[in-house]
Amino acid sequence: MKTILFFIIGTFFVITLYMSEVSSWFRIYEMSQFNAFHMYGVIGSAVFLIVIITFSIKKLKIKSVLDKRPTTIPNKENGCKRYLYESIIFGGCWAISGTCPSPMYSNLGAGFLPIIGVIFAAIFGTFVSDVIQPKLLY
């Protein structure tokens, strides 16, 4: 049942990304050139909603919909260097590929087959990050 629910939510999310043009390479290029507000508006709206939802979950002690256990959201660890390095790598890969992780799948669903190479590169990058992260000194 959980798998079906997650599949439905994921499908809805990917369709929303595609319909809002967030997965469009042109929109990402426009954003990186500071020529349009579209992507900044979408990202800003998402951050605003996430802050409200996270605050509500913590304050109201909302339980999980799936198993009725209390939802816990741990606080982030302090460390500016870690987040700075990771965001530079993420942003650089975003600029090179023209897409970030979620829109990759909406592009695949829309039939843009060259995105398969980007998906494999992202999976490989995640694996490499998992292997080297314990060895990094932040």
C-alpha atoms as a PDB file:
ATOM      1  CA  MET A   1       0.000   0.000   0.000  1.00  0.00           C
ATOM      2  CA  LYS A   2       2.851   2.403   0.868  1.00  0.00           C
ATOM      3  CA  THR A   3       4.477   1.764  -2.495  1.00  0.00           C
ATOM      4  CA  ILE A   4       1.297   2.604  -4.385  1.00  0.00           C
ATOM      5  CA  LEU A   5       0.808   5.783  -2.330  1.00  0.00           C
ATOM      6  CA  PHE A   6       4.399   6.894  -2.935  1.00  0.00           C
ATOM      7  CA  PHE A   7       4.090   6.085  -6.648  1.00  0.00           C
ATOM      8  CA  ILE A   8       0.937   8.219  -6.925  1.00  0.00           C
ATOM      9  CA  ILE A   9       2.516  11.120  -5.030  1.00  0.00           C
ATOM     10  CA  GLY A  10       5.694  10.868  -7.127  1.00  0.00           C
ATOM     11  CA  THR A  11       3.720  10.765 -10.366  1.00  0.00           C
ATOM     12  CA  PHE A  12       1.734  13.849  -9.342  1.00  0.00           C
ATOM     13  CA  PHE A  13       4.956  15.637  -8.360  1.00  0.00           C
ATOM     14  CA  VAL A  14       6.693  14.851 -11.666  1.00  0.00           C
ATOM     15  CA  ILE A  15       3.663  15.967 -13.706  1.00  0.00           C
ATOM     16  CA  THR A  16       3.566  19.202 -11.697  1.00  0.00           C
ATOM     17  CA  LEU A  17       7.260  19.805 -12.378  1.00  0.00           C
ATOM     18  CA  TYR A  18       6.787  19.273 -16.080  1.00  0.00           C
ATOM     19  CA  MET A  19       3.633  21.378 -16.390  1.00  0.00           C
ATOM     20  CA  SER A  20       5.195  24.283 -14.448  1.00  0.00           C
ATOM     21  CA  GLU A  21       8.210  24.188 -16.807  1.00  0.00           C
ATOM     22  CA  VAL A  22      10.602  23.630 -13.906  1.00  0.00           C
ATOM     23  CA  SER A  23      12.202  20.777 -15.836  1.00  0.00           C
ATOM     24  CA  SER A  24      12.786  22.969 -18.891  1.00  0.00           C
ATOM     25  CA  TRP A  25      16.445  23.552 -19.682  1.00  0.00           C
ATOM     26  CA  PHE A  26      15.519  26.968 -21.059  1.00  0.00           C
ATOM     27  CA  ARG A  27      13.954  27.996 -17.730  1.00  0.00           C
ATOM     28  CA  ILE A  28      17.055  26.847 -15.829  1.00  0.00           C
ATOM     29  CA  TYR A  29      19.273  28.768 -18.256  1.00  0.00           C
ATOM     30  CA  GLU A  30      17.098  31.866 -17.841  1.00  0.00           C
ATOM     31  CA  MET A  31      17.442  31.583 -14.087  1.00  0.00           C
ATOM     32  CA  SER A  32      21.222  31.218 -14.201  1.00  0.00           C
ATOM     33  CA  GLN A  33      21.433  34.341 -16.387  1.00  0.00           C
ATOM     34  CA  PHE A  34      19.113  36.308 -14.034  1.00  0.00           C
ATOM     35  CA  ASN A  35      16.797  37.008 -16.987  1.00  0.00           C
ATOM     36  CA  ALA A  36      13.519  35.750 -15.524  1.00  0.00           C
ATOM     37  CA  PHE A  37      11.785  35.427 -12.183  1.00  0.00           C
ATOM     38  CA  HIS A  38       9.927  32.162 -13.016  1.00  0.00           C
ATOM     39  CA  MET A  39      12.317  29.692 -11.367  1.00  0.00           C
ATOM     40  CA  TYR A  40      13.057  31.954  -8.412  1.00  0.00           C
ATOM     41  CA  GLY A  41       9.319  32.249  -7.812  1.00  0.00           C
ATOM     42  CA  VAL A  42       8.847  28.469  -7.916  1.00  0.00           C
ATOM     43  CA  ILE A  43      11.844  27.769  -5.666  1.00  0.00           C
ATOM     44  CA  GLY A  44      10.901  30.580  -3.270  1.00  0.00           C
ATOM     45  CA  SER A  45       7.313  29.321  -3.028  1.00  0.00           C
ATOM     46  CA  ALA A  46       8.573  25.797  -2.304  1.00  0.00           C
ATOM     47  CA  VAL A  47      10.931  27.015   0.437  1.00  0.00           C
ATOM     48  CA  PHE A  48       8.151  29.133   1.973  1.00  0.00           C
ATOM     49  CA  LEU A  49       5.749  26.161   2.045  1.00  0.00           C
ATOM     50  CA  ILE A  50       8.401  23.808   3.437  1.00  0.00           C
ATOM     51  CA  VAL A  51       9.169  26.216   6.286  1.00  0.00           C
ATOM     52  CA  ILE A  52       5.474  26.461   7.186  1.00  0.00           C
ATOM     53  CA  ILE A  53       4.924  22.682   6.925  1.00  0.00           C
ATOM     54  CA  THR A  54       8.047  21.843   8.957  1.00  0.00           C
ATOM     55  CA  PHE A  55       7.145  24.390  11.622  1.00  0.00           C
ATOM     56  CA  SER A  56       3.598  22.966  11.801  1.00  0.00           C
ATOM     57  CA  ILE A  57       4.811  19.377  12.087  1.00  0.00           C
ATOM     58  CA  LYS A  58       7.190  20.283  14.925  1.00  0.00           C
ATOM     59  CA  LYS A  59       4.787  22.591  16.773  1.00  0.00           C
ATOM     60  CA  LEU A  60       1.613  20.516  16.460  1.00  0.00           C
ATOM     61  CA  LYS A  61       3.416  17.163  16.864  1.00  0.00           C
ATOM     62  CA  ILE A  62       1.676  15.770  13.781  1.00  0.00           C
ATOM     63  CA  LYS A  63       1.770  11.989  13.451  1.00  0.00           C
ATOM     64  CA  SER A  64       2.767  10.058  10.352  1.00  0.00           C
ATOM     65  CA  VAL A  65      -0.114   9.329   7.988  1.00  0.00           C
ATOM     66  CA  LEU A  66       1.286   5.896   7.142  1.00  0.00           C
ATOM     67  CA  ASP A  67       1.906   4.340  10.551  1.00  0.00           C
ATOM     68  CA  LYS A  68       0.519   6.874  13.077  1.00  0.00           C
ATOM     69  CA  ARG A  69       3.888   7.239  14.846  1.00  0.00           C
ATOM     70  CA  PRO A  70       5.025  10.700  15.973  1.00  0.00           C
ATOM     71  CA  THR A  71       6.964  12.463  13.234  1.00  0.00           C
ATOM     72  CA  THR A  72      10.378  13.661  14.320  1.00  0.00           C
ATOM     73  CA  ILE A  73      12.490  16.117  12.375  1.00  0.00           C
ATOM     74  CA  PRO A  74      16.017  16.338  13.777  1.00  0.00           C
ATOM     75  CA  ASN A  75      17.726  19.718  13.869  1.00  0.00           C
ATOM     76  CA  LYS A  76      20.447  20.340  11.288  1.00  0.00           C
ATOM     77  CA  GLU A  77      24.016  20.152  12.484  1.00  0.00           C
ATOM     78  CA  ASN A  78      26.013  23.348  12.495  1.00  0.00           C
ATOM     79  CA  GLY A  79      28.778  23.706   9.963  1.00  0.00           C
ATOM     80  CA  CYS A  80      28.841  26.298   7.249  1.00  0.00           C
ATOM     81  CA  LYS A  81      31.741  24.756   5.295  1.00  0.00           C
ATOM     82  CA  ARG A  82      29.933  21.470   4.721  1.00  0.00           C
ATOM     83  CA  TYR A  83      26.836  23.094   3.265  1.00  0.00           C
ATOM     84  CA  LEU A  84      28.929  25.540   1.252  1.00  0.00           C
ATOM     85  CA  TYR A  85      30.957  22.762  -0.407  1.00  0.00           C
ATOM     86  CA  GLU A  86      27.911  20.602  -1.070  1.00  0.00           C
ATOM     87  CA  SER A  87      25.926  23.479  -2.552  1.00  0.00           C
ATOM     88  CA  ILE A  88      28.810  24.414  -4.868  1.00  0.00           C
ATOM     89  CA  ILE A  89      29.016  20.820  -6.143  1.00  0.00           C
ATOM     90  CA  PHE A  90      25.222  20.572  -6.493  1.00  0.00           C
ATOM     91  CA  GLY A  91      24.985  23.915  -8.301  1.00  0.00           C
ATOM     92  CA  GLY A  92      27.873  23.054 -10.605  1.00  0.00           C
ATOM     93  CA  CYS A  93      26.316  19.733 -11.570  1.00  0.00           C
ATOM     94  CA  TRP A  94      22.975  21.472 -12.037  1.00  0.00           C
ATOM     95  CA  ALA A  95      24.603  23.970 -14.411  1.00  0.00           C
ATOM     96  CA  ILE A  96      26.433  21.277 -16.393  1.00  0.00           C
ATOM     97  CA  SER A  97      23.459  18.941 -16.760  1.00  0.00           C
ATOM     98  CA  GLY A  98      20.775  21.618 -17.050  1.00  0.00           C
ATOM     99  CA  THR A  99      18.583  19.843 -14.522  1.00  0.00           C
ATOM    100  CA  CYS A 100      18.381  18.983 -10.847  1.00  0.00           C
ATOM    101  CA  PRO A 101      17.347  15.578  -9.431  1.00  0.00           C
ATOM    102  CA  SER A 102      13.545  15.783  -9.489  1.00  0.00           C
ATOM    103  CA  PRO A 103      13.097  17.219 -12.999  1.00  0.00           C
ATOM    104  CA  MET A 104      15.392  14.512 -14.391  1.00  0.00           C
ATOM    105  CA  TYR A 105      12.554  12.031 -14.023  1.00  0.00           C
ATOM    106  CA  SER A 106       9.963  14.358 -15.487  1.00  0.00           C
ATOM    107  CA  ASN A 107      12.225  14.817 -18.512  1.00  0.00           C
ATOM    108  CA  LEU A 108      12.532  11.045 -18.814  1.00  0.00           C
ATOM    109  CA  GLY A 109       8.763  10.673 -18.575  1.00  0.00           C
ATOM    110  CA  ALA A 110       8.361  13.332 -21.277  1.00  0.00           C
ATOM    111  CA  GLY A 111      10.509  11.240 -23.608  1.00  0.00           C
ATOM    112  CA  PHE A 112      13.844  13.087 -23.491  1.00  0.00           C
ATOM    113  CA  LEU A 113      15.993   9.964 -23.647  1.00  0.00           C
ATOM    114  CA  PRO A 114      19.442  11.641 -23.367  1.00  0.00           C
ATOM    115  CA  ILE A 115      18.506  12.364 -19.744  1.00  0.00           C
ATOM    116  CA  ILE A 116      19.200   8.673 -19.010  1.00  0.00           C
ATOM    117  CA  GLY A 117      22.927   9.478 -19.042  1.00  0.00           C
ATOM    118  CA  VAL A 118      22.374  12.310 -16.565  1.00  0.00           C
ATOM    119  CA  ILE A 119      20.346  10.013 -14.294  1.00  0.00           C
ATOM    120  CA  PHE A 120      23.142   7.424 -14.293  1.00  0.00           C
ATOM    121  CA  ALA A 121      25.704  10.170 -13.585  1.00  0.00           C
ATOM    122  CA  ALA A 122      23.584  11.419 -10.665  1.00  0.00           C
ATOM    123  CA  ILE A 123      23.281   7.912  -9.223  1.00  0.00           C
ATOM    124  CA  PHE A 124      27.031   7.412  -9.605  1.00  0.00           C
ATOM    125  CA  GLY A 125      27.698  10.796  -7.945  1.00  0.00           C
ATOM    126  CA  THR A 126      25.457   9.829  -5.036  1.00  0.00           C
ATOM    127  CA  PHE A 127      27.381   6.575  -4.633  1.00  0.00           C
ATOM    128  CA  VAL A 128      30.741   8.380  -4.714  1.00  0.00           C
ATOM    129  CA  SER A 129      29.490  10.945  -2.189  1.00  0.00           C
ATOM    130  CA  ASP A 130      28.357   8.164   0.142  1.00  0.00           C
ATOM    131  CA  VAL A 131      31.765   6.462  -0.085  1.00  0.00           C
ATOM    132  CA  ILE A 132      33.922   9.559   0.464  1.00  0.00           C
ATOM    133  CA  GLN A 133      31.756  11.498   2.947  1.00  0.00           C
ATOM    134  CA  PRO A 134      33.037   9.691   6.078  1.00  0.00           C
ATOM    135  CA  LYS A 135      36.594  10.551   5.046  1.00  0.00           C
ATOM    136  CA  LEU A 136      35.965  14.266   4.581  1.00  0.00           C
ATOM    137  CA  LEU A 137      36.959  16.716   7.281  1.00  0.00           C
ATOM    138  CA  TYR A 138      34.653  19.691   7.376  1.00  0.00           C
END
